[in-house]
Amino acid sequence: MTAIKKTSTIQENKQYALDHCPVTYVMEKIGGYWKPIILYHLSTGNKRYSELKKEIPAITEKMLIQHLKQLEADGLVIRKAKAVVPPFVTYRLSDSGMGLVPVISAMANWALKEKEGAYNTPM
């Protein structure tokens, strides 16, 4: 993987956008294809890895693990592991992650209305 030059103009512009645009900040945390889907499934309660995998069958194990780690590093998901054999790990939304539930729910509601054609009114 190529190292990112921290003093590049692109990185300065990206940092400026993160600092000054709240939408850019949110997209940095939950952007991409899988993160909102993972957050949506965790919004209903604690889940084990296998439960998430069953609820999101199209995601690869690599992507699920990678995104759970990123969401945990960003403070949106809490991983709790019990010291038993076999390992018992659960994931849940943190308080910060819970703050995104209305956003994720609004996205889901918009999608349902869009599929129904509720927004397709003739002009």
PDB file of N, CA and C in Angstrom:
ATOM      1  N   MET A   1       0.838  -1.173   0.000  1.00  0.00           N
ATOM      2  CA  MET A   1       0.000   0.000   0.000  1.00  0.00           C
ATOM      3  C   MET A   1       0.883   1.236   0.000  1.00  0.00           C
ATOM      4  N   THR A   2       0.529   2.226  -0.780  1.00  0.00           N
ATOM      5  CA  THR A   2       1.314   3.440  -0.895  1.00  0.00           C
ATOM      6  C   THR A   2       1.117   4.328   0.317  1.00  0.00           C
ATOM      7  N   ALA A   3       2.199   4.881   0.816  1.00  0.00           N
ATOM      8  CA  ALA A   3       2.120   5.791   1.957  1.00  0.00           C
ATOM      9  C   ALA A   3       1.501   7.106   1.518  1.00  0.00           C
ATOM     10  N   ILE A   4       0.711   7.707   2.397  1.00  0.00           N
ATOM     11  CA  ILE A   4       0.066   8.979   2.098  1.00  0.00           C
ATOM     12  C   ILE A   4       0.934  10.107   2.632  1.00  0.00           C
ATOM     13  N   LYS A   5       1.263  11.031   1.756  1.00  0.00           N
ATOM     14  CA  LYS A   5       2.063  12.180   2.144  1.00  0.00           C
ATOM     15  C   LYS A   5       1.154  13.164   2.887  1.00  0.00           C
ATOM     16  N   LYS A   6       1.416  13.348   4.157  1.00  0.00           N
ATOM     17  CA  LYS A   6       0.529  14.146   5.000  1.00  0.00           C
ATOM     18  C   LYS A   6       0.551  15.634   4.662  1.00  0.00           C
ATOM     19  N   THR A   7       1.600  16.100   3.991  1.00  0.00           N
ATOM     20  CA  THR A   7       1.695  17.524   3.682  1.00  0.00           C
ATOM     21  C   THR A   7       1.238  17.854   2.270  1.00  0.00           C
ATOM     22  N   SER A   8       0.623  16.904   1.572  1.00  0.00           N
ATOM     23  CA  SER A   8       0.180  17.161   0.210  1.00  0.00           C
ATOM     24  C   SER A   8      -1.025  18.098   0.203  1.00  0.00           C
ATOM     25  N   THR A   9      -1.226  18.763  -0.905  1.00  0.00           N
ATOM     26  CA  THR A   9      -2.353  19.680  -1.060  1.00  0.00           C
ATOM     27  C   THR A   9      -3.677  18.933  -0.916  1.00  0.00           C
ATOM     28  N   ILE A  10      -3.741  17.738  -1.473  1.00  0.00           N
ATOM     29  CA  ILE A  10      -4.973  16.950  -1.383  1.00  0.00           C
ATOM     30  C   ILE A  10      -5.300  16.654   0.080  1.00  0.00           C
ATOM     31  N   GLN A  11      -4.301  16.278   0.868  1.00  0.00           N
ATOM     32  CA  GLN A  11      -4.533  15.978   2.282  1.00  0.00           C
ATOM     33  C   GLN A  11      -4.941  17.235   3.053  1.00  0.00           C
ATOM     34  N   GLU A  12      -4.346  18.376   2.705  1.00  0.00           N
ATOM     35  CA  GLU A  12      -4.731  19.642   3.347  1.00  0.00           C
ATOM     36  C   GLU A  12      -6.173  19.984   3.010  1.00  0.00           C
ATOM     37  N   ASN A  13      -6.558  19.802   1.748  1.00  0.00           N
ATOM     38  CA  ASN A  13      -7.934  20.071   1.337  1.00  0.00           C
ATOM     39  C   ASN A  13      -8.914  19.128   2.029  1.00  0.00           C
ATOM     40  N   LYS A  14      -8.524  17.870   2.138  1.00  0.00           N
ATOM     41  CA  LYS A  14      -9.381  16.894   2.804  1.00  0.00           C
ATOM     42  C   LYS A  14      -9.551  17.261   4.285  1.00  0.00           C
ATOM     43  N   GLN A  15      -8.470  17.636   4.933  1.00  0.00           N
ATOM     44  CA  GLN A  15      -8.543  18.022   6.346  1.00  0.00           C
ATOM     45  C   GLN A  15      -9.402  19.271   6.521  1.00  0.00           C
ATOM     46  N   TYR A  16      -9.278  20.222   5.600  1.00  0.00           N
ATOM     47  CA  TYR A  16     -10.099  21.435   5.659  1.00  0.00           C
ATOM     48  C   TYR A  16     -11.578  21.061   5.566  1.00  0.00           C
ATOM     49  N   ALA A  17     -11.918  20.185   4.620  1.00  0.00           N
ATOM     50  CA  ALA A  17     -13.304  19.751   4.455  1.00  0.00           C
ATOM     51  C   ALA A  17     -13.801  19.034   5.704  1.00  0.00           C
ATOM     52  N   LEU A  18     -12.964  18.174   6.285  1.00  0.00           N
ATOM     53  CA  LEU A  18     -13.352  17.468   7.515  1.00  0.00           C
ATOM     54  C   LEU A  18     -13.616  18.440   8.659  1.00  0.00           C
ATOM     55  N   ASP A  19     -12.805  19.481   8.726  1.00  0.00           N
ATOM     56  CA  ASP A  19     -12.925  20.449   9.818  1.00  0.00           C
ATOM     57  C   ASP A  19     -14.101  21.407   9.637  1.00  0.00           C
ATOM     58  N   HIS A  20     -14.489  21.677   8.394  1.00  0.00           N
ATOM     59  CA  HIS A  20     -15.468  22.724   8.140  1.00  0.00           C
ATOM     60  C   HIS A  20     -16.807  22.257   7.578  1.00  0.00           C
ATOM     61  N   CYS A  21     -16.889  21.020   7.149  1.00  0.00           N
ATOM     62  CA  CYS A  21     -18.133  20.517   6.564  1.00  0.00           C
ATOM     63  C   CYS A  21     -18.626  19.311   7.360  1.00  0.00           C
ATOM     64  N   PRO A  22     -19.747  19.470   8.065  1.00  0.00           N
ATOM     65  CA  PRO A  22     -20.239  18.347   8.877  1.00  0.00           C
ATOM     66  C   PRO A  22     -20.616  17.115   8.059  1.00  0.00           C
ATOM     67  N   VAL A  23     -21.077  17.306   6.826  1.00  0.00           N
ATOM     68  CA  VAL A  23     -21.434  16.149   5.991  1.00  0.00           C
ATOM     69  C   VAL A  23     -20.178  15.366   5.621  1.00  0.00           C
ATOM     70  N   THR A  24     -19.095  16.078   5.323  1.00  0.00           N
ATOM     71  CA  THR A  24     -17.828  15.408   5.019  1.00  0.00           C
ATOM     72  C   THR A  24     -17.358  14.608   6.220  1.00  0.00           C
ATOM     73  N   TYR A  25     -17.507  15.175   7.418  1.00  0.00           N
ATOM     74  CA  TYR A  25     -17.102  14.476   8.641  1.00  0.00           C
ATOM     75  C   TYR A  25     -17.898  13.183   8.806  1.00  0.00           C
ATOM     76  N   VAL A  26     -19.217  13.267   8.613  1.00  0.00           N
ATOM     77  CA  VAL A  26     -20.066  12.080   8.757  1.00  0.00           C
ATOM     78  C   VAL A  26     -19.696  11.030   7.709  1.00  0.00           C
ATOM     79  N   MET A  27     -19.496  11.470   6.478  1.00  0.00           N
ATOM     80  CA  MET A  27     -19.172  10.520   5.410  1.00  0.00           C
ATOM     81  C   MET A  27     -17.813   9.865   5.647  1.00  0.00           C
ATOM     82  N   GLU A  28     -16.900  10.567   6.284  1.00  0.00           N
ATOM     83  CA  GLU A  28     -15.604   9.969   6.629  1.00  0.00           C
ATOM     84  C   GLU A  28     -15.796   8.828   7.625  1.00  0.00           C
ATOM     85  N   LYS A  29     -16.764   8.973   8.513  1.00  0.00           N
ATOM     86  CA  LYS A  29     -17.019   7.950   9.536  1.00  0.00           C
ATOM     87  C   LYS A  29     -17.875   6.789   9.031  1.00  0.00           C
ATOM     88  N   ILE A  30     -18.919   7.093   8.251  1.00  0.00           N
ATOM     89  CA  ILE A  30     -19.859   6.036   7.864  1.00  0.00           C
ATOM     90  C   ILE A  30     -19.938   5.834   6.359  1.00  0.00           C
ATOM     91  N   GLY A  31     -19.069   6.493   5.603  1.00  0.00           N
ATOM     92  CA  GLY A  31     -19.111   6.393   4.152  1.00  0.00           C
ATOM     93  C   GLY A  31     -18.746   5.011   3.652  1.00  0.00           C
ATOM     94  N   GLY A  32     -19.071   4.778   2.427  1.00  0.00           N
ATOM     95  CA  GLY A  32     -18.809   3.482   1.828  1.00  0.00           C
ATOM     96  C   GLY A  32     -20.084   2.677   1.732  1.00  0.00           C
ATOM     97  N   TYR A  33     -19.954   1.509   1.195  1.00  0.00           N
ATOM     98  CA  TYR A  33     -21.127   0.674   0.956  1.00  0.00           C
ATOM     99  C   TYR A  33     -21.582  -0.075   2.207  1.00  0.00           C
ATOM    100  N   TRP A  34     -20.652  -0.631   2.976  1.00  0.00           N
ATOM    101  CA  TRP A  34     -21.016  -1.566   4.046  1.00  0.00           C
ATOM    102  C   TRP A  34     -21.262  -0.937   5.412  1.00  0.00           C
ATOM    103  N   LYS A  35     -20.585   0.151   5.737  1.00  0.00           N
ATOM    104  CA  LYS A  35     -20.715   0.709   7.086  1.00  0.00           C
ATOM    105  C   LYS A  35     -22.150   1.081   7.457  1.00  0.00           C
ATOM    106  N   PRO A  36     -22.891   1.791   6.598  1.00  0.00           N
ATOM    107  CA  PRO A  36     -24.279   2.098   6.979  1.00  0.00           C
ATOM    108  C   PRO A  36     -25.128   0.841   7.163  1.00  0.00           C
ATOM    109  N   ILE A  37     -24.853  -0.189   6.375  1.00  0.00           N
ATOM    110  CA  ILE A  37     -25.616  -1.433   6.492  1.00  0.00           C
ATOM    111  C   ILE A  37     -25.317  -2.111   7.829  1.00  0.00           C
ATOM    112  N   ILE A  38     -24.058  -2.129   8.203  1.00  0.00           N
ATOM    113  CA  ILE A  38     -23.674  -2.705   9.510  1.00  0.00           C
ATOM    114  C   ILE A  38     -24.325  -1.919  10.636  1.00  0.00           C
ATOM    115  N   LEU A  39     -24.264  -0.594  10.559  1.00  0.00           N
ATOM    116  CA  LEU A  39     -24.880   0.250  11.592  1.00  0.00           C
ATOM    117  C   LEU A  39     -26.387   0.017  11.656  1.00  0.00           C
ATOM    118  N   TYR A  40     -27.027  -0.139  10.504  1.00  0.00           N
ATOM    119  CA  TYR A  40     -28.463  -0.401  10.453  1.00  0.00           C
ATOM    120  C   TYR A  40     -28.802  -1.684  11.209  1.00  0.00           C
ATOM    121  N   HIS A  41     -28.033  -2.734  10.989  1.00  0.00           N
ATOM    122  CA  HIS A  41     -28.316  -4.013  11.660  1.00  0.00           C
ATOM    123  C   HIS A  41     -27.983  -3.953  13.143  1.00  0.00           C
ATOM    124  N   LEU A  42     -26.981  -3.189  13.520  1.00  0.00           N
ATOM    125  CA  LEU A  42     -26.658  -3.049  14.947  1.00  0.00           C
ATOM    126  C   LEU A  42     -27.643  -2.130  15.668  1.00  0.00           C
ATOM    127  N   SER A  43     -28.416  -1.345  14.917  1.00  0.00           N
ATOM    128  CA  SER A  43     -29.368  -0.424  15.548  1.00  0.00           C
ATOM    129  C   SER A  43     -30.495  -1.167  16.258  1.00  0.00           C
ATOM    130  N   THR A  44     -30.671  -2.446  15.937  1.00  0.00           N
ATOM    131  CA  THR A  44     -31.726  -3.226  16.579  1.00  0.00           C
ATOM    132  C   THR A  44     -31.246  -3.938  17.840  1.00  0.00           C
ATOM    133  N   GLY A  45     -29.956  -3.816  18.154  1.00  0.00           N
ATOM    134  CA  GLY A  45     -29.436  -4.429  19.372  1.00  0.00           C
ATOM    135  C   GLY A  45     -28.105  -5.121  19.166  1.00  0.00           C
ATOM    136  N   ASN A  46     -27.593  -5.677  20.258  1.00  0.00           N
ATOM    137  CA  ASN A  46     -26.306  -6.384  20.214  1.00  0.00           C
ATOM    138  C   ASN A  46     -26.364  -7.543  19.228  1.00  0.00           C
ATOM    139  N   LYS A  47     -25.246  -7.744  18.549  1.00  0.00           N
ATOM    140  CA  LYS A  47     -25.167  -8.852  17.603  1.00  0.00           C
ATOM    141  C   LYS A  47     -23.809  -9.517  17.716  1.00  0.00           C
ATOM    142  N   ARG A  48     -23.812 -10.820  17.519  1.00  0.00           N
ATOM    143  CA  ARG A  48     -22.556 -11.549  17.380  1.00  0.00           C
ATOM    144  C   ARG A  48     -22.119 -11.451  15.932  1.00  0.00           C
ATOM    145  N   TYR A  49     -20.852 -11.729  15.683  1.00  0.00           N
ATOM    146  CA  TYR A  49     -20.302 -11.679  14.332  1.00  0.00           C
ATOM    147  C   TYR A  49     -21.118 -12.549  13.388  1.00  0.00           C
ATOM    148  N   SER A  50     -21.426 -13.775  13.831  1.00  0.00           N
ATOM    149  CA  SER A  50     -22.159 -14.709  12.972  1.00  0.00           C
ATOM    150  C   SER A  50     -23.562 -14.190  12.644  1.00  0.00           C
ATOM    151  N   GLU A  51     -24.179 -13.479  13.574  1.00  0.00           N
ATOM    152  CA  GLU A  51     -25.504 -12.913  13.318  1.00  0.00           C
ATOM    153  C   GLU A  51     -25.424 -11.818  12.253  1.00  0.00           C
ATOM    154  N   LEU A  52     -24.397 -10.985  12.372  1.00  0.00           N
ATOM    155  CA  LEU A  52     -24.213  -9.937  11.363  1.00  0.00           C
ATOM    156  C   LEU A  52     -23.967 -10.558   9.989  1.00  0.00           C
ATOM    157  N   LYS A  53     -23.153 -11.589   9.958  1.00  0.00           N
ATOM    158  CA  LYS A  53     -22.839 -12.262   8.696  1.00  0.00           C
ATOM    159  C   LYS A  53     -24.107 -12.858   8.077  1.00  0.00           C
ATOM    160  N   LYS A  54     -25.000 -13.420   8.891  1.00  0.00           N
ATOM    161  CA  LYS A  54     -26.249 -13.981   8.385  1.00  0.00           C
ATOM    162  C   LYS A  54     -27.191 -12.888   7.888  1.00  0.00           C
ATOM    163  N   GLU A  55     -27.208 -11.749   8.584  1.00  0.00           N
ATOM    164  CA  GLU A  55     -28.097 -10.661   8.204  1.00  0.00           C
ATOM    165  C   GLU A  55     -27.594  -9.897   6.979  1.00  0.00           C
ATOM    166  N   ILE A  56     -26.290  -9.981   6.713  1.00  0.00           N
ATOM    167  CA  ILE A  56     -25.688  -9.297   5.559  1.00  0.00           C
ATOM    168  C   ILE A  56     -24.933 -10.360   4.748  1.00  0.00           C
ATOM    169  N   PRO A  57     -25.641 -11.262   4.106  1.00  0.00           N
ATOM    170  CA  PRO A  57     -24.967 -12.389   3.452  1.00  0.00           C
ATOM    171  C   PRO A  57     -24.042 -12.003   2.293  1.00  0.00           C
ATOM    172  N   ALA A  58     -24.253 -10.848   1.674  1.00  0.00           N
ATOM    173  CA  ALA A  58     -23.425 -10.464   0.527  1.00  0.00           C
ATOM    174  C   ALA A  58     -22.042  -9.949   0.925  1.00  0.00           C
ATOM    175  N   ILE A  59     -21.854  -9.609   2.199  1.00  0.00           N
ATOM    176  CA  ILE A  59     -20.567  -9.070   2.637  1.00  0.00           C
ATOM    177  C   ILE A  59     -19.570 -10.212   2.836  1.00  0.00           C
ATOM    178  N   THR A  60     -18.332  -9.978   2.446  1.00  0.00           N
ATOM    179  CA  THR A  60     -17.299 -10.984   2.676  1.00  0.00           C
ATOM    180  C   THR A  60     -16.826 -10.889   4.124  1.00  0.00           C
ATOM    181  N   GLU A  61     -16.228 -11.964   4.601  1.00  0.00           N
ATOM    182  CA  GLU A  61     -15.712 -11.955   5.968  1.00  0.00           C
ATOM    183  C   GLU A  61     -14.665 -10.862   6.142  1.00  0.00           C
ATOM    184  N   LYS A  62     -13.788 -10.720   5.145  1.00  0.00           N
ATOM    185  CA  LYS A  62     -12.743  -9.705   5.205  1.00  0.00           C
ATOM    186  C   LYS A  62     -13.339  -8.308   5.368  1.00  0.00           C
ATOM    187  N   MET A  63     -14.362  -7.996   4.564  1.00  0.00           N
ATOM    188  CA  MET A  63     -14.969  -6.663   4.624  1.00  0.00           C
ATOM    189  C   MET A  63     -15.698  -6.445   5.942  1.00  0.00           C
ATOM    190  N   LEU A  64     -16.388  -7.460   6.431  1.00  0.00           N
ATOM    191  CA  LEU A  64     -17.104  -7.319   7.696  1.00  0.00           C
ATOM    192  C   LEU A  64     -16.125  -7.069   8.832  1.00  0.00           C
ATOM    193  N   ILE A  65     -15.068  -7.857   8.893  1.00  0.00           N
ATOM    194  CA  ILE A  65     -14.051  -7.670   9.940  1.00  0.00           C
ATOM    195  C   ILE A  65     -13.412  -6.292   9.825  1.00  0.00           C
ATOM    196  N   GLN A  66     -13.034  -5.915   8.616  1.00  0.00           N
ATOM    197  CA  GLN A  66     -12.369  -4.634   8.390  1.00  0.00           C
ATOM    198  C   GLN A  66     -13.262  -3.459   8.809  1.00  0.00           C
ATOM    199  N   HIS A  67     -14.517  -3.492   8.412  1.00  0.00           N
ATOM    200  CA  HIS A  67     -15.413  -2.388   8.740  1.00  0.00           C
ATOM    201  C   HIS A  67     -15.793  -2.361  10.209  1.00  0.00           C
ATOM    202  N   LEU A  68     -15.951  -3.518  10.834  1.00  0.00           N
ATOM    203  CA  LEU A  68     -16.204  -3.536  12.275  1.00  0.00           C
ATOM    204  C   LEU A  68     -15.029  -2.919  13.028  1.00  0.00           C
ATOM    205  N   LYS A  69     -13.808  -3.223  12.607  1.00  0.00           N
ATOM    206  CA  LYS A  69     -12.619  -2.635  13.239  1.00  0.00           C
ATOM    207  C   LYS A  69     -12.586  -1.125  13.044  1.00  0.00           C
ATOM    208  N   GLN A  70     -12.924  -0.658  11.838  1.00  0.00           N
ATOM    209  CA  GLN A  70     -12.934   0.784  11.579  1.00  0.00           C
ATOM    210  C   GLN A  70     -14.017   1.481  12.391  1.00  0.00           C
ATOM    211  N   LEU A  71     -15.192   0.875  12.446  1.00  0.00           N
ATOM    212  CA  LEU A  71     -16.277   1.466  13.227  1.00  0.00           C
ATOM    213  C   LEU A  71     -15.929   1.493  14.718  1.00  0.00           C
ATOM    214  N   GLU A  72     -15.232   0.467  15.177  1.00  0.00           N
ATOM    215  CA  GLU A  72     -14.778   0.436  16.572  1.00  0.00           C
ATOM    216  C   GLU A  72     -13.727   1.516  16.801  1.00  0.00           C
ATOM    217  N   ALA A  73     -12.776   1.660  15.886  1.00  0.00           N
ATOM    218  CA  ALA A  73     -11.721   2.674  16.018  1.00  0.00           C
ATOM    219  C   ALA A  73     -12.306   4.087  15.992  1.00  0.00           C
ATOM    220  N   ASP A  74     -13.385   4.275  15.253  1.00  0.00           N
ATOM    221  CA  ASP A  74     -14.037   5.588  15.185  1.00  0.00           C
ATOM    222  C   ASP A  74     -14.991   5.829  16.350  1.00  0.00           C
ATOM    223  N   GLY A  75     -15.098   4.850  17.239  1.00  0.00           N
ATOM    224  CA  GLY A  75     -15.933   5.025  18.426  1.00  0.00           C
ATOM    225  C   GLY A  75     -17.420   4.873  18.187  1.00  0.00           C
ATOM    226  N   LEU A  76     -17.802   4.236  17.091  1.00  0.00           N
ATOM    227  CA  LEU A  76     -19.218   4.051  16.786  1.00  0.00           C
ATOM    228  C   LEU A  76     -19.743   2.693  17.220  1.00  0.00           C
ATOM    229  N   VAL A  77     -18.842   1.721  17.338  1.00  0.00           N
ATOM    230  CA  VAL A  77     -19.208   0.354  17.718  1.00  0.00           C
ATOM    231  C   VAL A  77     -18.326  -0.087  18.884  1.00  0.00           C
ATOM    232  N   ILE A  78     -18.922  -0.819  19.791  1.00  0.00           N
ATOM    233  CA  ILE A  78     -18.182  -1.382  20.924  1.00  0.00           C
ATOM    234  C   ILE A  78     -18.131  -2.896  20.756  1.00  0.00           C
ATOM    235  N   ARG A  79     -16.935  -3.425  20.836  1.00  0.00           N
ATOM    236  CA  ARG A  79     -16.711  -4.870  20.733  1.00  0.00           C
ATOM    237  C   ARG A  79     -16.477  -5.396  22.139  1.00  0.00           C
ATOM    238  N   LYS A  80     -17.249  -6.401  22.522  1.00  0.00           N
ATOM    239  CA  LYS A  80     -17.084  -6.996  23.851  1.00  0.00           C
ATOM    240  C   LYS A  80     -16.801  -8.481  23.681  1.00  0.00           C
ATOM    241  N   ALA A  81     -15.640  -8.900  24.191  1.00  0.00           N
ATOM    242  CA  ALA A  81     -15.236 -10.304  24.090  1.00  0.00           C
ATOM    243  C   ALA A  81     -15.212 -10.918  25.479  1.00  0.00           C
ATOM    244  N   LYS A  82     -15.834 -12.082  25.603  1.00  0.00           N
ATOM    245  CA  LYS A  82     -15.787 -12.828  26.858  1.00  0.00           C
ATOM    246  C   LYS A  82     -14.667 -13.844  26.757  1.00  0.00           C
ATOM    247  N   ALA A  83     -13.936 -14.000  27.832  1.00  0.00           N
ATOM    248  CA  ALA A  83     -12.792 -14.920  27.856  1.00  0.00           C
ATOM    249  C   ALA A  83     -13.264 -16.350  28.099  1.00  0.00           C
ATOM    250  N   VAL A  84     -13.884 -16.910  27.077  1.00  0.00           N
ATOM    251  CA  VAL A  84     -14.350 -18.296  27.147  1.00  0.00           C
ATOM    252  C   VAL A  84     -13.909 -19.014  25.876  1.00  0.00           C
ATOM    253  N   VAL A  85     -14.001 -20.325  25.909  1.00  0.00           N
ATOM    254  CA  VAL A  85     -13.681 -21.116  24.724  1.00  0.00           C
ATOM    255  C   VAL A  85     -14.956 -21.828  24.297  1.00  0.00           C
ATOM    256  N   PRO A  86     -15.419 -21.661  23.081  1.00  0.00           N
ATOM    257  CA  PRO A  86     -14.905 -20.784  22.034  1.00  0.00           C
ATOM    258  C   PRO A  86     -15.181 -19.322  22.375  1.00  0.00           C
ATOM    259  N   PRO A  87     -14.461 -18.394  21.739  1.00  0.00           N
ATOM    260  CA  PRO A  87     -14.640 -16.971  22.037  1.00  0.00           C
ATOM    261  C   PRO A  87     -16.090 -16.526  21.807  1.00  0.00           C
ATOM    262  N   PHE A  88     -16.550 -15.652  22.666  1.00  0.00           N
ATOM    263  CA  PHE A  88     -17.910 -15.110  22.568  1.00  0.00           C
ATOM    264  C   PHE A  88     -17.769 -13.603  22.437  1.00  0.00           C
ATOM    265  N   VAL A  89     -17.961 -13.106  21.222  1.00  0.00           N
ATOM    266  CA  VAL A  89     -17.781 -11.679  20.941  1.00  0.00           C
ATOM    267  C   VAL A  89     -19.103 -11.089  20.494  1.00  0.00           C
ATOM    268  N   THR A  90     -19.466  -9.950  21.079  1.00  0.00           N
ATOM    269  CA  THR A  90     -20.657  -9.236  20.640  1.00  0.00           C
ATOM    270  C   THR A  90     -20.264  -7.817  20.239  1.00  0.00           C
ATOM    271  N   TYR A  91     -21.074  -7.260  19.354  1.00  0.00           N
ATOM    272  CA  TYR A  91     -20.894  -5.891  18.891  1.00  0.00           C
ATOM    273  C   TYR A  91     -22.166  -5.123  19.202  1.00  0.00           C
ATOM    274  N   ARG A  92     -21.985  -3.865  19.599  1.00  0.00           N
ATOM    275  CA  ARG A  92     -23.139  -3.005  19.835  1.00  0.00           C
ATOM    276  C   ARG A  92     -22.748  -1.577  19.493  1.00  0.00           C
ATOM    277  N   LEU A  93     -23.757  -0.748  19.302  1.00  0.00           N
ATOM    278  CA  LEU A  93     -23.492   0.648  19.022  1.00  0.00           C
ATOM    279  C   LEU A  93     -23.082   1.365  20.304  1.00  0.00           C
ATOM    280  N   SER A  94     -22.106   2.232  20.199  1.00  0.00           N
ATOM    281  CA  SER A  94     -21.727   3.086  21.319  1.00  0.00           C
ATOM    282  C   SER A  94     -22.762   4.213  21.411  1.00  0.00           C
ATOM    283  N   ASP A  95     -22.618   5.090  22.394  1.00  0.00           N
ATOM    284  CA  ASP A  95     -23.516   6.238  22.490  1.00  0.00           C
ATOM    285  C   ASP A  95     -23.424   7.088  21.221  1.00  0.00           C
ATOM    286  N   SER A  96     -22.208   7.259  20.724  1.00  0.00           N
ATOM    287  CA  SER A  96     -22.014   8.009  19.489  1.00  0.00           C
ATOM    288  C   SER A  96     -22.686   7.300  18.321  1.00  0.00           C
ATOM    289  N   GLY A  97     -22.546   5.990  18.255  1.00  0.00           N
ATOM    290  CA  GLY A  97     -23.199   5.207  17.214  1.00  0.00           C
ATOM    291  C   GLY A  97     -24.711   5.282  17.317  1.00  0.00           C
ATOM    292  N   MET A  98     -25.230   5.279  18.546  1.00  0.00           N
ATOM    293  CA  MET A  98     -26.680   5.409  18.755  1.00  0.00           C
ATOM    294  C   MET A  98     -27.184   6.754  18.235  1.00  0.00           C
ATOM    295  N   GLY A  99     -26.315   7.762  18.286  1.00  0.00           N
ATOM    296  CA  GLY A  99     -26.688   9.067  17.757  1.00  0.00           C
ATOM    297  C   GLY A  99     -26.928   9.041  16.254  1.00  0.00           C
ATOM    298  N   LEU A 100     -26.406   8.033  15.580  1.00  0.00           N
ATOM    299  CA  LEU A 100     -26.607   7.889  14.137  1.00  0.00           C
ATOM    300  C   LEU A 100     -27.870   7.109  13.779  1.00  0.00           C
ATOM    301  N   VAL A 101     -28.522   6.501  14.747  1.00  0.00           N
ATOM    302  CA  VAL A 101     -29.709   5.684  14.465  1.00  0.00           C
ATOM    303  C   VAL A 101     -30.792   6.499  13.752  1.00  0.00           C
ATOM    304  N   PRO A 102     -31.093   7.736  14.196  1.00  0.00           N
ATOM    305  CA  PRO A 102     -32.102   8.504  13.445  1.00  0.00           C
ATOM    306  C   PRO A 102     -31.686   8.774  11.995  1.00  0.00           C
ATOM    307  N   VAL A 103     -30.405   8.962  11.771  1.00  0.00           N
ATOM    308  CA  VAL A 103     -29.896   9.198  10.411  1.00  0.00           C
ATOM    309  C   VAL A 103     -30.071   7.943   9.564  1.00  0.00           C
ATOM    310  N   ILE A 104     -29.646   6.800  10.101  1.00  0.00           N
ATOM    311  CA  ILE A 104     -29.758   5.531   9.379  1.00  0.00           C
ATOM    312  C   ILE A 104     -31.235   5.183   9.155  1.00  0.00           C
ATOM    313  N   SER A 105     -32.069   5.420  10.149  1.00  0.00           N
ATOM    314  CA  SER A 105     -33.506   5.151  10.008  1.00  0.00           C
ATOM    315  C   SER A 105     -34.123   6.054   8.944  1.00  0.00           C
ATOM    316  N   ALA A 106     -33.707   7.311   8.906  1.00  0.00           N
ATOM    317  CA  ALA A 106     -34.211   8.233   7.887  1.00  0.00           C
ATOM    318  C   ALA A 106     -33.804   7.759   6.494  1.00  0.00           C
ATOM    319  N   MET A 107     -32.586   7.260   6.370  1.00  0.00           N
ATOM    320  CA  MET A 107     -32.132   6.728   5.085  1.00  0.00           C
ATOM    321  C   MET A 107     -32.991   5.529   4.678  1.00  0.00           C
ATOM    322  N   ALA A 108     -33.267   4.640   5.622  1.00  0.00           N
ATOM    323  CA  ALA A 108     -34.082   3.459   5.331  1.00  0.00           C
ATOM    324  C   ALA A 108     -35.508   3.865   4.949  1.00  0.00           C
ATOM    325  N   ASN A 109     -36.091   4.810   5.677  1.00  0.00           N
ATOM    326  CA  ASN A 109     -37.451   5.268   5.372  1.00  0.00           C
ATOM    327  C   ASN A 109     -37.516   5.932   4.003  1.00  0.00           C
ATOM    328  N   TRP A 110     -36.498   6.733   3.675  1.00  0.00           N
ATOM    329  CA  TRP A 110     -36.442   7.363   2.364  1.00  0.00           C
ATOM    330  C   TRP A 110     -36.421   6.293   1.267  1.00  0.00           C
ATOM    331  N   ALA A 111     -35.594   5.263   1.461  1.00  0.00           N
ATOM    332  CA  ALA A 111     -35.474   4.193   0.465  1.00  0.00           C
ATOM    333  C   ALA A 111     -36.806   3.484   0.259  1.00  0.00           C
ATOM    334  N   LEU A 112     -37.519   3.200   1.353  1.00  0.00           N
ATOM    335  CA  LEU A 112     -38.810   2.514   1.237  1.00  0.00           C
ATOM    336  C   LEU A 112     -39.809   3.370   0.466  1.00  0.00           C
ATOM    337  N   LYS A 113     -39.846   4.670   0.757  1.00  0.00           N
ATOM    338  CA  LYS A 113     -40.756   5.571   0.033  1.00  0.00           C
ATOM    339  C   LYS A 113     -40.350   5.702  -1.428  1.00  0.00           C
ATOM    340  N   GLU A 114     -39.049   5.768  -1.672  1.00  0.00           N
ATOM    341  CA  GLU A 114     -38.553   5.881  -3.040  1.00  0.00           C
ATOM    342  C   GLU A 114     -38.933   4.646  -3.847  1.00  0.00           C
ATOM    343  N   LYS A 115     -38.814   3.476  -3.244  1.00  0.00           N
ATOM    344  CA  LYS A 115     -39.180   2.227  -3.929  1.00  0.00           C
ATOM    345  C   LYS A 115     -40.677   2.174  -4.240  1.00  0.00           C
ATOM    346  N   GLU A 116     -41.479   2.749  -3.343  1.00  0.00           N
ATOM    347  CA  GLU A 116     -42.929   2.777  -3.547  1.00  0.00           C
ATOM    348  C   GLU A 116     -43.330   3.806  -4.597  1.00  0.00           C
ATOM    349  N   GLY A 117     -42.383   4.667  -4.960  1.00  0.00           N
ATOM    350  CA  GLY A 117     -42.696   5.721  -5.930  1.00  0.00           C
ATOM    351  C   GLY A 117     -43.329   6.940  -5.296  1.00  0.00           C
ATOM    352  N   ALA A 118     -43.216   7.069  -3.981  1.00  0.00           N
ATOM    353  CA  ALA A 118     -43.858   8.174  -3.275  1.00  0.00           C
ATOM    354  C   ALA A 118     -43.326   9.539  -3.710  1.00  0.00           C
ATOM    355  N   TYR A 119     -42.094   9.572  -4.209  1.00  0.00           N
ATOM    356  CA  TYR A 119     -41.500  10.843  -4.603  1.00  0.00           C
ATOM    357  C   TYR A 119     -41.614  11.095  -6.100  1.00  0.00           C
ATOM    358  N   ASN A 120     -42.185  10.162  -6.822  1.00  0.00           N
ATOM    359  CA  ASN A 120     -42.267  10.284  -8.281  1.00  0.00           C
ATOM    360  C   ASN A 120     -43.590  10.891  -8.700  1.00  0.00           C
ATOM    361  N   THR A 121     -43.815  12.132  -8.345  1.00  0.00           N
ATOM    362  CA  THR A 121     -45.060  12.807  -8.720  1.00  0.00           C
ATOM    363  C   THR A 121     -44.848  13.524 -10.050  1.00  0.00           C
ATOM    364  N   PRO A 122     -45.820  13.443 -10.940  1.00  0.00           N
ATOM    365  CA  PRO A 122     -45.691  14.124 -12.230  1.00  0.00           C
ATOM    366  C   PRO A 122     -45.701  15.634 -12.061  1.00  0.00           C
ATOM    367  N   MET A 123     -45.007  16.295 -12.959  1.00  0.00           N
ATOM    368  CA  MET A 123     -44.946  17.767 -12.890  1.00  0.00           C
ATOM    369  C   MET A 123     -46.023  18.381 -13.711  1.00  0.00           C
TER     370      MET A 123
END
